[in-house]
Structures are given as C-alpha cells and as structure tokens.
N, C-alpha and C. Protein backbone atom coordinates (compact mmCIF):
# COMPACT_ATOMS: atom_id res chain seq x y z
N MET A 1 4.27 -22.48 0.90
CA MET A 1 2.57 -23.08 0.07
C MET A 1 2.24 -21.91 -0.84
N THR A 2 1.81 -22.15 -1.76
CA THR A 2 1.14 -20.48 -2.53
C THR A 2 -0.42 -20.98 -2.52
N SER A 3 -0.96 -19.75 -2.65
CA SER A 3 -2.71 -20.52 -2.76
C SER A 3 -2.79 -18.91 -3.66
N LEU A 4 -4.09 -18.81 -4.07
CA LEU A 4 -4.33 -17.64 -5.14
C LEU A 4 -5.95 -18.36 -5.51
N ILE A 5 -5.82 -17.04 -5.68
CA ILE A 5 -8.95 -17.03 -5.47
C ILE A 5 -8.59 -15.50 -6.38
N PRO A 6 -9.47 -16.07 -8.29
CA PRO A 6 -9.55 -14.58 -8.22
C PRO A 6 -10.53 -13.73 -7.79
N TRP A 7 -10.21 -13.29 -8.02
CA TRP A 7 -11.40 -11.44 -7.23
C TRP A 7 -12.07 -11.24 -7.19
N GLN A 8 -12.46 -12.11 -8.77
CA GLN A 8 -14.31 -11.98 -8.52
C GLN A 8 -14.65 -12.88 -7.86
N GLN A 9 -13.88 -14.03 -7.34
CA GLN A 9 -14.91 -15.46 -5.97
C GLN A 9 -14.56 -13.76 -4.75
N ARG A 10 -12.97 -12.97 -4.18
CA ARG A 10 -12.72 -13.53 -2.91
C ARG A 10 -13.83 -11.88 -2.78
N LEU A 11 -14.72 -10.64 -3.64
CA LEU A 11 -14.76 -10.29 -3.62
C LEU A 11 -16.72 -10.27 -3.90
N SER A 12 -17.19 -11.24 -4.33
CA SER A 12 -18.47 -11.56 -4.59
C SER A 12 -19.11 -11.08 -3.52
N THR A 13 -19.33 -10.73 -2.45
CA THR A 13 -20.34 -9.61 -2.14
C THR A 13 -19.98 -8.45 -1.69
N GLY A 14 -18.82 -7.90 -2.34
CA GLY A 14 -18.36 -6.34 -2.88
C GLY A 14 -17.09 -6.44 -1.54
N THR A 15 -17.30 -5.01 -1.33
CA THR A 15 -15.48 -4.79 -0.76
C THR A 15 -15.69 -5.10 0.79
N GLU A 16 -16.03 -5.00 1.21
CA GLU A 16 -16.34 -4.19 2.05
C GLU A 16 -16.09 -5.68 2.74
N ASP A 17 -16.41 -6.64 2.60
CA ASP A 17 -16.33 -8.04 3.52
C ASP A 17 -14.46 -8.47 3.55
N ILE A 18 -13.89 -8.27 2.28
CA ILE A 18 -12.53 -8.46 2.04
C ILE A 18 -12.08 -7.02 3.24
N GLN A 19 -12.65 -5.78 2.66
CA GLN A 19 -11.75 -4.77 3.91
C GLN A 19 -11.42 -5.58 5.98
N ASP A 20 -12.19 -6.15 5.90
CA ASP A 20 -12.73 -6.24 7.10
C ASP A 20 -11.80 -7.91 8.08
N GLU A 21 -11.26 -8.61 6.42
CA GLU A 21 -10.34 -9.63 6.17
C GLU A 21 -8.56 -8.83 6.25
N VAL A 22 -8.86 -8.04 5.75
CA VAL A 22 -7.34 -7.35 5.79
C VAL A 22 -7.08 -6.87 7.59
N ILE A 23 -8.46 -5.42 7.49
CA ILE A 23 -8.41 -5.28 9.20
C ILE A 23 -7.45 -6.58 9.93
N ARG A 24 -8.37 -7.51 10.36
CA ARG A 24 -7.99 -8.65 10.94
C ARG A 24 -6.08 -8.29 10.16
N TRP A 25 -5.46 -9.10 8.97
CA TRP A 25 -4.28 -9.44 8.34
C TRP A 25 -3.49 -8.32 9.47
N TYR A 26 -3.51 -6.98 9.63
CA TYR A 26 -3.58 -5.33 10.06
C TYR A 26 -3.45 -5.75 12.38
N GLN A 27 -4.65 -5.61 11.47
CA GLN A 27 -4.22 -6.17 13.98
C GLN A 27 -3.19 -6.97 14.28
N GLN A 28 -3.13 -8.68 13.90
CA GLN A 28 -2.50 -9.81 14.21
C GLN A 28 -0.91 -9.24 13.29
N THR A 29 -0.74 -7.96 12.89
CA THR A 29 0.52 -8.29 12.12
C THR A 29 1.45 -6.80 13.38
N ARG A 30 2.13 -7.08 13.67
CA ARG A 30 2.55 -6.09 14.51
C ARG A 30 4.02 -5.90 14.58
N HIS A 31 3.90 -6.05 13.77
CA HIS A 31 5.49 -6.24 12.20
C HIS A 31 5.01 -6.11 11.35
N GLY A 32 4.39 -4.51 10.03
CA GLY A 32 4.28 -5.62 8.95
C GLY A 32 5.13 -4.74 8.02
N THR A 33 6.14 -5.44 6.75
CA THR A 33 6.81 -4.42 5.80
C THR A 33 5.94 -4.39 4.54
N ALA A 34 5.53 -2.94 3.17
CA ALA A 34 5.19 -3.28 1.85
C ALA A 34 5.89 -2.06 1.28
N TYR A 35 5.91 -2.76 0.28
CA TYR A 35 6.51 -2.66 -1.72
C TYR A 35 5.64 -2.16 -2.00
N VAL A 36 4.83 -1.27 -2.23
CA VAL A 36 3.79 -0.50 -4.11
C VAL A 36 5.27 0.76 -4.14
N PRO A 37 4.50 0.24 -5.87
CA PRO A 37 5.05 0.69 -6.13
C PRO A 37 4.66 1.38 -7.45
N HIS A 38 3.85 1.67 -7.15
CA HIS A 38 2.54 2.11 -8.63
C HIS A 38 1.84 3.00 -7.78
N MET A 39 1.49 2.78 -6.46
CA MET A 39 0.02 3.34 -6.15
C MET A 39 0.91 3.82 -4.36
N ILE A 40 -0.32 3.99 -3.78
CA ILE A 40 -0.29 4.46 -2.33
C ILE A 40 -0.96 3.80 -1.67
N TRP A 41 0.14 3.15 -0.44
CA TRP A 41 -0.42 1.48 0.94
C TRP A 41 -1.70 2.17 0.84
N GLY A 42 -2.28 1.22 1.22
CA GLY A 42 -3.74 1.42 1.19
C GLY A 42 -3.76 2.39 2.46
N THR A 43 -2.84 1.89 3.09
CA THR A 43 -3.08 2.18 4.65
C THR A 43 -2.78 3.69 5.60
N LEU A 44 -1.57 4.46 4.29
CA LEU A 44 -1.87 6.42 4.34
C LEU A 44 -2.52 6.71 3.54
N GLN A 45 -3.44 5.49 2.56
CA GLN A 45 -4.13 6.54 1.89
C GLN A 45 -6.02 7.30 2.31
N THR A 46 -5.82 8.86 2.19
CA THR A 46 -6.58 9.54 2.41
C THR A 46 -8.23 8.76 1.80
N GLU A 47 -9.11 9.22 2.68
CA GLU A 47 -10.48 8.30 1.91
C GLU A 47 -11.07 9.18 -0.10
N ALA A 48 -10.29 9.94 0.01
CA ALA A 48 -10.78 10.53 -2.07
C ALA A 48 -10.19 9.77 -2.02
N TYR A 49 -9.23 9.59 -2.23
CA TYR A 49 -7.67 8.55 -3.04
C TYR A 49 -8.96 6.31 -2.72
N ALA A 50 -7.96 6.35 -1.18
CA ALA A 50 -9.35 5.28 -1.22
C ALA A 50 -10.90 5.43 -2.21
N ASN A 51 -11.29 6.17 -2.54
CA ASN A 51 -12.43 5.90 -2.66
C ASN A 51 -12.30 5.88 -4.39
N VAL A 52 -11.71 7.07 -5.01
CA VAL A 52 -11.42 6.14 -6.53
C VAL A 52 -11.05 5.23 -7.11
N ILE A 53 -10.01 4.65 -5.82
CA ILE A 53 -8.88 3.07 -5.58
C ILE A 53 -10.42 1.91 -6.09
N LEU A 54 -11.06 1.74 -5.77
CA LEU A 54 -12.48 0.97 -4.55
C LEU A 54 -13.17 1.19 -5.81
N ARG A 55 -13.78 2.84 -7.07
CA ARG A 55 -13.80 2.67 -7.51
C ARG A 55 -14.23 2.31 -8.27
N ARG A 56 -12.88 2.17 -9.04
CA ARG A 56 -12.04 0.87 -9.83
C ARG A 56 -12.25 -0.33 -9.94
N VAL A 57 -12.24 -1.05 -8.95
CA VAL A 57 -11.97 -1.90 -8.69
C VAL A 57 -13.78 -2.45 -8.86
N VAL A 58 -13.74 -2.15 -8.25
CA VAL A 58 -15.96 -2.56 -8.04
C VAL A 58 -16.49 -2.66 -10.15
N ASP A 59 -15.40 -1.56 -10.14
CA ASP A 59 -16.12 -1.08 -12.06
C ASP A 59 -15.89 -2.25 -12.56
N PHE A 60 -14.46 -2.41 -12.55
CA PHE A 60 -13.58 -3.69 -13.62
C PHE A 60 -14.22 -4.68 -13.06
N LEU A 61 -14.13 -5.07 -11.86
CA LEU A 61 -14.24 -6.98 -11.80
C LEU A 61 -16.47 -6.93 -12.32
N GLY A 62 -16.94 -5.90 -11.62
CA GLY A 62 -18.42 -5.79 -12.23
C GLY A 62 -18.66 -6.97 -10.98
N VAL A 63 -18.38 -6.79 -9.27
CA VAL A 63 -19.04 -7.45 -8.11
C VAL A 63 -19.94 -6.32 -7.75
N PRO A 64 -20.35 -6.45 -6.65
CA PRO A 64 -21.70 -5.74 -6.26
C PRO A 64 -20.46 -4.22 -5.84
N ASP A 65 -21.88 -3.28 -5.86
CA ASP A 65 -20.70 -1.74 -5.57
C ASP A 65 -21.25 -1.65 -3.75
N ASP A 66 -20.07 -1.58 -3.30
CA ASP A 66 -20.56 -1.16 -2.34
C ASP A 66 -19.23 -0.31 -0.66
N VAL A 67 -19.37 0.40 -2.11
CA VAL A 67 -17.96 1.35 -2.38
C VAL A 67 -17.66 2.29 -1.04
N ALA A 68 -18.51 2.94 -1.06
CA ALA A 68 -19.14 3.38 0.97
C ALA A 68 -18.62 2.79 2.12
N ALA A 69 -19.14 1.70 2.22
CA ALA A 69 -18.74 1.00 3.07
C ALA A 69 -17.33 -0.27 2.92
N GLY A 70 -17.29 -0.76 1.89
CA GLY A 70 -15.35 -0.70 1.55
C GLY A 70 -14.56 0.40 2.25
N VAL A 71 -14.53 1.65 1.68
CA VAL A 71 -13.17 2.01 1.98
C VAL A 71 -13.86 3.55 3.70
N ALA A 72 -15.13 2.72 4.29
CA ALA A 72 -14.97 3.46 5.54
C ALA A 72 -14.58 2.23 6.22
N LYS A 73 -14.99 0.38 6.27
CA LYS A 73 -13.31 -0.14 6.46
C LYS A 73 -11.56 0.18 6.06
N ARG A 74 -11.88 0.39 5.27
CA ARG A 74 -10.24 1.37 5.00
C ARG A 74 -10.19 1.95 5.61
N MET A 75 -10.38 2.79 5.52
CA MET A 75 -10.11 4.13 7.33
C MET A 75 -10.40 2.90 8.59
N GLU A 76 -11.25 2.27 8.98
CA GLU A 76 -11.31 1.78 10.37
C GLU A 76 -9.85 1.05 9.62
N ARG A 77 -9.15 0.56 9.57
CA ARG A 77 -7.94 0.12 9.31
C ARG A 77 -6.70 0.67 10.04
N GLN A 78 -6.44 2.36 9.51
CA GLN A 78 -5.89 3.25 9.21
C GLN A 78 -5.90 2.60 10.46
N GLN A 79 -6.38 2.45 11.67
CA GLN A 79 -5.74 3.06 12.58
C GLN A 79 -5.37 2.10 13.93
N VAL A 80 -4.01 0.76 13.24
CA VAL A 80 -3.19 0.53 13.83
C VAL A 80 -2.18 1.07 13.78
N LEU A 81 -1.90 2.34 12.38
CA LEU A 81 -0.90 3.51 12.69
C LEU A 81 -0.44 4.36 14.17
N TYR A 82 -2.01 4.31 14.78
CA TYR A 82 -2.12 5.22 15.73
C TYR A 82 -2.23 4.91 17.10
N ASP A 83 -2.27 3.30 17.67
CA ASP A 83 -2.85 2.30 18.65
C ASP A 83 -1.38 2.91 19.74
N GLY A 84 -0.69 2.05 18.95
CA GLY A 84 0.91 2.66 19.84
C GLY A 84 1.50 0.99 19.95
N GLU A 85 0.68 -0.34 19.08
CA GLU A 85 0.94 -1.75 19.17
C GLU A 85 1.89 -1.77 18.21
N HIS A 86 1.51 -0.85 16.47
CA HIS A 86 1.96 -1.78 15.67
C HIS A 86 3.41 -0.97 15.08
N HIS A 87 3.97 -1.66 14.27
CA HIS A 87 4.55 -1.17 13.57
C HIS A 87 5.40 -1.43 12.63
N TYR A 88 5.23 -0.83 11.32
CA TYR A 88 5.26 -0.31 9.69
C TYR A 88 6.37 -0.37 9.11
N ASP A 89 7.25 -1.16 7.64
CA ASP A 89 8.11 -0.40 7.25
C ASP A 89 7.49 -0.59 6.18
N VAL A 90 7.00 0.52 5.12
CA VAL A 90 6.78 1.11 3.96
C VAL A 90 7.60 1.31 2.36
N ILE A 91 7.99 0.78 1.56
CA ILE A 91 8.41 1.36 0.86
C ILE A 91 7.73 1.97 -0.31
N LEU A 92 7.46 2.67 -1.09
CA LEU A 92 6.97 3.94 -1.99
C LEU A 92 7.78 3.48 -3.50
N GLY A 93 7.30 3.20 -4.27
CA GLY A 93 8.38 4.53 -5.78
C GLY A 93 7.82 5.22 -6.00
N GLU A 94 8.45 5.95 -6.59
CA GLU A 94 8.70 7.70 -6.60
C GLU A 94 6.75 7.17 -7.55
N GLN A 95 6.68 6.72 -8.43
CA GLN A 95 5.82 7.27 -9.26
C GLN A 95 4.58 6.55 -8.74
N ALA A 96 4.35 6.03 -7.81
CA ALA A 96 2.98 6.39 -7.29
C ALA A 96 2.59 7.62 -6.39
N LEU A 97 3.25 8.35 -5.20
CA LEU A 97 3.77 9.65 -6.11
C LEU A 97 2.71 11.03 -6.96
N TYR A 98 2.64 9.69 -8.16
CA TYR A 98 1.75 10.80 -9.86
C TYR A 98 1.89 9.67 -10.77
N THR A 99 1.37 8.48 -9.88
CA THR A 99 0.39 7.87 -10.15
C THR A 99 -1.72 8.20 -9.94
N ASN A 100 -1.51 9.39 -11.27
CA ASN A 100 -2.67 9.92 -11.48
C ASN A 100 -3.89 8.85 -10.44
N VAL A 101 -4.04 9.39 -9.29
CA VAL A 101 -5.73 8.63 -9.02
C VAL A 101 -7.02 9.86 -8.87
N GLY A 102 -7.71 10.60 -9.78
CA GLY A 102 -8.04 11.29 -9.11
C GLY A 102 -8.33 12.68 -9.54
N GLY A 103 -7.28 13.01 -9.69
CA GLY A 103 -7.23 14.11 -9.97
C GLY A 103 -6.39 15.18 -9.94
N PRO A 104 -5.60 15.84 -9.79
CA PRO A 104 -5.30 16.95 -9.11
C PRO A 104 -5.48 17.03 -7.13
N GLN A 105 -6.84 17.40 -6.92
CA GLN A 105 -7.08 17.88 -5.95
C GLN A 105 -7.10 16.48 -4.88
N VAL A 106 -7.26 15.28 -5.61
CA VAL A 106 -6.50 14.32 -5.31
C VAL A 106 -6.06 13.82 -4.60
N MET A 107 -4.47 14.07 -5.32
CA MET A 107 -3.17 13.92 -5.73
C MET A 107 -2.89 14.66 -4.45
N ARG A 108 -2.88 16.34 -3.87
CA ARG A 108 -2.40 17.06 -3.17
C ARG A 108 -2.56 16.70 -2.17
N GLY A 109 -4.70 16.36 -2.13
CA GLY A 109 -4.80 16.17 -0.30
C GLY A 109 -3.66 14.34 0.08
N GLN A 110 -3.58 13.96 -0.28
CA GLN A 110 -2.20 12.84 -1.10
C GLN A 110 -1.24 12.32 -0.42
N MET A 111 -0.56 13.65 -1.29
CA MET A 111 0.60 14.64 -0.42
C MET A 111 0.73 15.17 0.66
N GLU A 112 -0.09 15.52 0.98
CA GLU A 112 -0.33 15.89 2.62
C GLU A 112 -0.52 15.50 2.98
N ARG A 113 -1.30 14.61 3.12
CA ARG A 113 -1.22 13.45 4.26
C ARG A 113 0.69 12.24 4.51
N LEU A 114 0.46 12.19 3.18
CA LEU A 114 2.37 11.98 3.67
C LEU A 114 2.98 12.14 4.22
N LEU A 115 2.87 14.41 3.61
CA LEU A 115 4.18 14.40 4.76
C LEU A 115 3.97 14.38 6.28
N ARG A 116 2.32 14.32 6.41
CA ARG A 116 2.22 13.91 8.10
C ARG A 116 2.11 12.77 8.53
N ASP A 117 2.38 11.91 8.40
CA ASP A 117 1.95 10.61 8.79
C ASP A 117 3.51 10.72 8.77
N ILE A 118 4.57 10.66 7.93
CA ILE A 118 5.87 10.23 8.01
C ILE A 118 6.67 10.67 8.86
N GLU A 119 6.55 11.02 9.84
CA GLU A 119 6.56 11.47 10.84
C GLU A 119 5.83 10.99 11.86
N LEU A 120 4.93 10.03 11.58
CA LEU A 120 4.10 8.54 12.57
C LEU A 120 5.73 8.12 13.41
N PRO A 121 5.40 7.90 14.89
CA PRO A 121 6.42 6.52 14.74
C PRO A 121 5.81 5.20 15.04
N SER A 122 5.30 5.26 14.19
CA SER A 122 4.20 4.27 14.42
C SER A 122 4.97 3.31 12.36
N LEU A 123 5.20 3.97 11.66
CA LEU A 123 5.30 4.48 10.66
C LEU A 123 7.38 4.94 10.23
N ALA A 124 7.98 3.31 9.18
CA ALA A 124 9.36 4.17 8.82
C ALA A 124 9.18 3.54 6.96
N LEU A 125 8.63 5.50 6.49
CA LEU A 125 8.36 5.04 5.00
C LEU A 125 9.47 5.99 4.06
N GLY A 126 9.81 5.01 2.79
CA GLY A 126 10.45 5.58 2.29
C GLY A 126 9.79 5.62 0.78
N ILE A 127 10.98 5.90 -0.31
CA ILE A 127 11.01 6.41 -1.52
C ILE A 127 11.70 6.22 -2.31
N LEU A 128 11.81 5.14 -2.85
CA LEU A 128 12.55 4.78 -4.06
C LEU A 128 12.73 5.62 -4.79
N PRO A 129 13.72 6.15 -5.72
CA PRO A 129 13.54 7.50 -6.65
C PRO A 129 13.55 6.62 -7.74
N THR A 130 13.28 6.52 -8.80
CA THR A 130 12.96 6.48 -10.57
C THR A 130 13.99 6.06 -9.87
N THR A 131 15.06 6.58 -10.25
CA THR A 131 16.77 6.97 -11.30
C THR A 131 17.55 5.51 -10.01
N ALA A 132 16.41 5.60 -8.96
CA ALA A 132 18.12 4.46 -8.07
C ALA A 132 18.04 3.46 -8.42
N GLU A 133 19.29 2.89 -8.15
CA GLU A 133 19.71 1.49 -8.55
C GLU A 133 19.33 0.81 -7.59
N VAL A 134 19.16 -0.54 -7.99
CA VAL A 134 19.07 -1.62 -6.92
C VAL A 134 19.71 -2.44 -6.97
N SER A 135 19.27 -3.42 -6.14
CA SER A 135 19.84 -4.86 -6.30
C SER A 135 19.06 -5.69 -6.37
N VAL A 136 18.19 -5.54 -7.03
CA VAL A 136 17.89 -6.81 -7.74
C VAL A 136 16.52 -5.95 -8.53
N VAL A 137 16.18 -7.79 -9.16
CA VAL A 137 15.02 -6.88 -10.58
C VAL A 137 14.43 -6.28 -9.92
N PRO A 138 13.38 -6.26 -10.93
CA PRO A 138 12.32 -6.09 -11.18
C PRO A 138 11.58 -6.04 -11.01
N MET A 139 9.73 -5.41 -9.77
CA MET A 139 9.05 -6.75 -8.93
C MET A 139 7.88 -5.52 -8.61
N PRO A 140 6.81 -6.84 -8.72
CA PRO A 140 5.73 -6.87 -8.32
C PRO A 140 5.65 -6.77 -7.33
N GLY A 141 4.44 -5.25 -6.79
CA GLY A 141 4.46 -5.02 -5.17
C GLY A 141 3.93 -5.86 -4.00
N PHE A 142 4.35 -5.82 -2.70
CA PHE A 142 3.67 -7.22 -1.74
C PHE A 142 3.70 -6.70 -0.56
N ASP A 143 3.18 -7.63 0.16
CA ASP A 143 3.07 -7.42 1.52
C ASP A 143 3.82 -8.37 2.40
N LEU A 144 4.02 -8.05 3.74
CA LEU A 144 4.48 -9.09 4.50
C LEU A 144 4.05 -8.95 6.13
N TYR A 145 3.79 -10.21 5.80
CA TYR A 145 3.19 -10.04 7.25
C TYR A 145 3.25 -11.22 8.79
N ASP A 146 3.53 -10.52 9.91
CA ASP A 146 3.66 -11.49 10.74
C ASP A 146 3.31 -13.09 10.52
N GLY A 147 3.36 -14.24 11.06
CA GLY A 147 3.47 -15.21 11.10
C GLY A 147 3.37 -16.03 9.52
N GLY A 148 3.93 -15.78 9.14
CA GLY A 148 4.12 -16.15 7.96
C GLY A 148 4.83 -16.06 6.88
N ARG A 149 3.20 -14.89 5.89
CA ARG A 149 2.77 -15.16 4.95
C ARG A 149 2.94 -13.76 4.03
N ALA A 150 3.04 -13.88 2.69
CA ALA A 150 3.74 -12.44 1.90
C ALA A 150 2.30 -12.43 0.60
N HIS A 151 1.29 -11.25 0.42
CA HIS A 151 0.32 -11.09 0.13
C HIS A 151 1.45 -9.95 -1.50
N TYR A 152 0.49 -10.42 -2.07
CA TYR A 152 0.29 -10.40 -3.92
C TYR A 152 -1.14 -9.54 -4.67
N GLU A 153 -0.96 -8.71 -4.57
CA GLU A 153 -2.67 -8.29 -5.30
C GLU A 153 -2.56 -8.26 -7.78
N LEU A 154 -2.92 -9.25 -7.58
CA LEU A 154 -2.44 -9.68 -9.35
C LEU A 154 -3.57 -8.93 -10.19
N VAL A 155 -3.63 -8.89 -11.36
CA VAL A 155 -4.44 -7.76 -12.13
C VAL A 155 -5.82 -9.09 -11.87
N SER A 156 -6.21 -10.77 -11.41
CA SER A 156 -7.35 -11.09 -11.89
C SER A 156 -7.01 -11.99 -10.33
N SER A 157 -6.02 -11.73 -9.78
CA SER A 157 -6.05 -12.63 -8.09
C SER A 157 -5.74 -12.31 -7.05
N GLY A 158 -5.28 -12.70 -6.28
CA GLY A 158 -5.02 -12.12 -4.60
C GLY A 158 -4.37 -13.57 -4.66
N VAL A 159 -2.68 -13.98 -4.58
CA VAL A 159 -2.33 -14.63 -4.85
C VAL A 159 -1.49 -14.73 -2.58
N ASP A 160 -1.17 -15.70 -1.42
CA ASP A 160 -0.92 -15.63 -0.49
C ASP A 160 0.23 -16.65 -0.68
N ILE A 161 1.93 -16.02 -0.04
CA ILE A 161 2.98 -17.41 0.39
C ILE A 161 3.57 -17.25 1.10
N THR A 162 3.40 -18.26 2.18
CA THR A 162 3.54 -19.08 3.72
C THR A 162 4.52 -19.73 3.31
N ASP A 163 5.68 -20.03 1.71
CA ASP A 163 6.58 -20.91 2.50
C ASP A 163 7.60 -20.35 2.66
N GLN A 164 8.64 -21.05 3.99
CA GLN A 164 9.50 -20.32 4.22
C GLN A 164 10.63 -19.63 3.99
N ASP A 165 11.29 -20.13 3.05
CA ASP A 165 12.63 -20.51 1.85
C ASP A 165 11.54 -18.58 0.64
N GLU A 166 10.89 -19.44 0.61
CA GLU A 166 9.92 -17.66 -0.80
C GLU A 166 10.34 -16.50 0.40
N LEU A 167 9.53 -16.84 1.61
CA LEU A 167 10.00 -15.13 2.49
C LEU A 167 10.64 -15.38 3.31
N THR A 168 11.55 -15.70 2.92
CA THR A 168 13.03 -15.45 3.33
C THR A 168 13.26 -14.38 2.00
N LEU A 169 13.16 -14.84 1.09
CA LEU A 169 13.19 -14.41 -0.39
C LEU A 169 12.84 -12.90 -0.46
N HIS A 170 12.21 -12.99 -0.05
CA HIS A 170 10.90 -12.06 0.24
C HIS A 170 11.66 -10.47 0.73
N GLU A 171 12.04 -10.80 1.92
CA GLU A 171 12.12 -10.43 3.02
C GLU A 171 13.80 -9.85 2.72
N LYS A 172 14.44 -10.17 1.68
CA LYS A 172 15.83 -10.60 1.44
C LYS A 172 15.51 -8.67 0.24
N ALA A 173 14.62 -9.16 -0.73
CA ALA A 173 14.14 -8.01 -1.70
C ALA A 173 13.99 -6.72 -0.90
N PHE A 174 12.94 -7.67 0.10
CA PHE A 174 12.75 -5.78 0.81
C PHE A 174 14.08 -5.15 1.16
N ASP A 175 15.02 -5.54 2.15
CA ASP A 175 15.43 -4.34 2.56
C ASP A 175 16.82 -4.30 1.51
N ALA A 176 16.77 -4.56 0.29
CA ALA A 176 17.52 -4.81 -0.62
C ALA A 176 16.71 -3.17 -1.33
N LEU A 177 15.14 -3.04 -1.47
CA LEU A 177 15.10 -2.08 -2.00
C LEU A 177 14.70 -1.41 -0.73
N SER A 178 15.45 -1.40 0.79
CA SER A 178 14.81 0.18 2.00
C SER A 178 16.45 0.50 1.75
N ARG A 179 17.19 -0.21 1.13
CA ARG A 179 18.64 0.40 1.29
C ARG A 179 18.79 1.31 -0.04
N ALA A 180 18.33 1.14 -0.87
CA ALA A 180 18.01 1.90 -1.61
C ALA A 180 17.28 3.06 -2.13
N ALA A 181 15.79 2.89 -0.94
CA ALA A 181 15.60 3.43 -0.75
C ALA A 181 15.86 5.10 -0.13
N SER A 182 14.80 6.56 -0.76
CA SER A 182 14.60 7.86 -0.25
C SER A 182 14.92 7.88 1.30
N HIS A 183 14.75 7.38 2.86
CA HIS A 183 14.72 8.32 3.69
C HIS A 183 14.41 9.47 4.82
N GLY A 184 13.38 9.47 6.20
CA GLY A 184 13.72 10.65 6.41
C GLY A 184 13.28 11.86 6.01
N ASP A 185 15.12 13.22 6.20
CA ASP A 185 13.38 14.29 4.77
C ASP A 185 14.65 14.17 3.43
N ALA A 186 15.03 13.31 3.15
CA ALA A 186 14.97 13.01 1.83
C ALA A 186 13.71 12.48 0.96
N ALA A 187 13.16 11.46 1.88
CA ALA A 187 11.66 11.14 0.99
C ALA A 187 10.65 12.03 1.46
N SER A 188 10.52 13.34 2.26
CA SER A 188 9.45 14.04 2.70
C SER A 188 10.23 15.87 1.41
N SER A 189 11.31 15.27 1.04
CA SER A 189 11.18 15.96 -0.03
C SER A 189 10.13 15.72 -2.04
N LEU A 190 11.12 14.15 -1.87
CA LEU A 190 10.03 14.01 -3.09
C LEU A 190 9.57 13.68 -3.23
N ILE A 191 8.34 13.25 -1.27
CA ILE A 191 7.03 13.58 -1.66
C ILE A 191 6.60 14.94 -2.00
N SER A 192 7.23 15.93 -1.48
CA SER A 192 7.48 17.78 -1.45
C SER A 192 6.83 17.85 -2.68
N LYS A 193 8.15 16.97 -3.50
CA LYS A 193 8.30 18.51 -4.86
C LYS A 193 7.45 17.30 -5.72
N ALA A 194 6.22 16.02 -5.22
CA ALA A 194 4.81 15.54 -6.16
C ALA A 194 3.74 16.58 -5.91
N LEU A 195 3.94 17.28 -4.34
CA LEU A 195 2.61 18.15 -4.01
C LEU A 195 2.69 19.24 -5.10
N VAL A 196 4.26 19.51 -5.00
CA VAL A 196 4.23 21.28 -5.81
C VAL A 196 4.21 20.76 -7.42
N PHE A 197 4.36 20.00 -7.69
CA PHE A 197 3.72 19.37 -8.47
C PHE A 197 1.74 19.00 -9.50
N TRP A 198 0.88 18.85 -8.47
CA TRP A 198 0.14 18.00 -8.33
C TRP A 198 -1.09 19.86 -8.25
N SER A 199 0.22 20.92 -7.52
CA SER A 199 -0.30 21.99 -7.09
C SER A 199 -0.31 23.18 -8.35
N GLN A 200 0.15 22.41 -8.97
CA GLN A 200 0.40 23.58 -10.65
C GLN A 200 -0.85 23.67 -11.38
N ASP A 201 -1.11 25.08 -11.52
CA ASP A 201 -2.09 25.02 -12.67
C ASP A 201 -2.66 24.06 -13.80
C-alpha cells in the first residue's frame, strides 16, 4: 500500500507537529536505514543547518512560521543516537557534503559534526562517492523504518510505502548502495575533504 499526503496539509499547523511525528517514528525504530543523496540526514544535522532547511520549507510552502520550534524538535529527535537503544545505517551521497545549505560557516560546522558522529556506536555512516559504480539505477532518497514502512519526501508530498514486496526491493537497493559506499576511514576522508573545501577563504 502507498499513501501520499501533500506537505501543505501535513504542515498546516507548522513544522513542530510533524517533527513530533518523526520523533515517534525514530523512537519506535530500533534499526533504521536511510539513503540521502543530496543533503544531510535530519538526525545528523546541526542546529544551524536544520534552521536553514526548515526556513526554506516554511518559505517555499507558505505554511505557518514556527521554525524555532521545529528546529528544537529536530534536535530532540537526535537523542536516539545517544540512548544506546537504536542503530541506524545511513548512506549520504558525496553531493550531500557540497550542497550549499547556509554558506561556508554552516557547512563547516556540519562537516565537523559528521566527523565526530561517524564514530558513534549507534551509527554506520557511509558516503557514496560521486564516481562510484552502483548496481541500481539512480533514485531519490528514502528512509526504512521498523514496522514495515519506507518514506520518501517529494517536492509537494510525503509518501509512505508499506507493501512488503516493495519494501524488499528497497532493502535490496539499500544493500547495493551500501556496498558501493565508502565506510570508516575512507568515509571520514571524504568528509574531511569537504571540510577543507568549506574552510577555504
């Protein structure tokens, strides 16, 4: 089954309520996976980076402006990385390290955060190099949650998929992306390279 709900409906009261919903998803998911090709996964975003992202969402969709409250909730959601009860396998596209969100200062702080958090026992972070050969066709980012659900964020809508055959294909796709990604020291090296880029005068 696939459900599609327009963002302007889901965000009709602002960003805080949906962040509460996402917190519940993550708290209920003991082992989750995420593929994010063009930006930083929300659960690893710095406060400054998240502020820029949610500001853009509010301005683009014309929904109620509660960016500060939404950012606070996004920061609260990140506690799942530190409570010892959850584990996440995350693949970021190398492009995510270079997509300009808020300018060099914000991006430097974000790269420094990634370099710290890559060592967390709750996190397996991979970086998919731009030139990596992957055995699946290019695809948008998605999250997989316990309980049988894949989630996509499109321009106008959020999409949830619960059909088991479709979920199996998502798991297969994530495995292929993970095999092509760099992990450990190789992933840290790619992040460090991006940090140097954003630190140039």
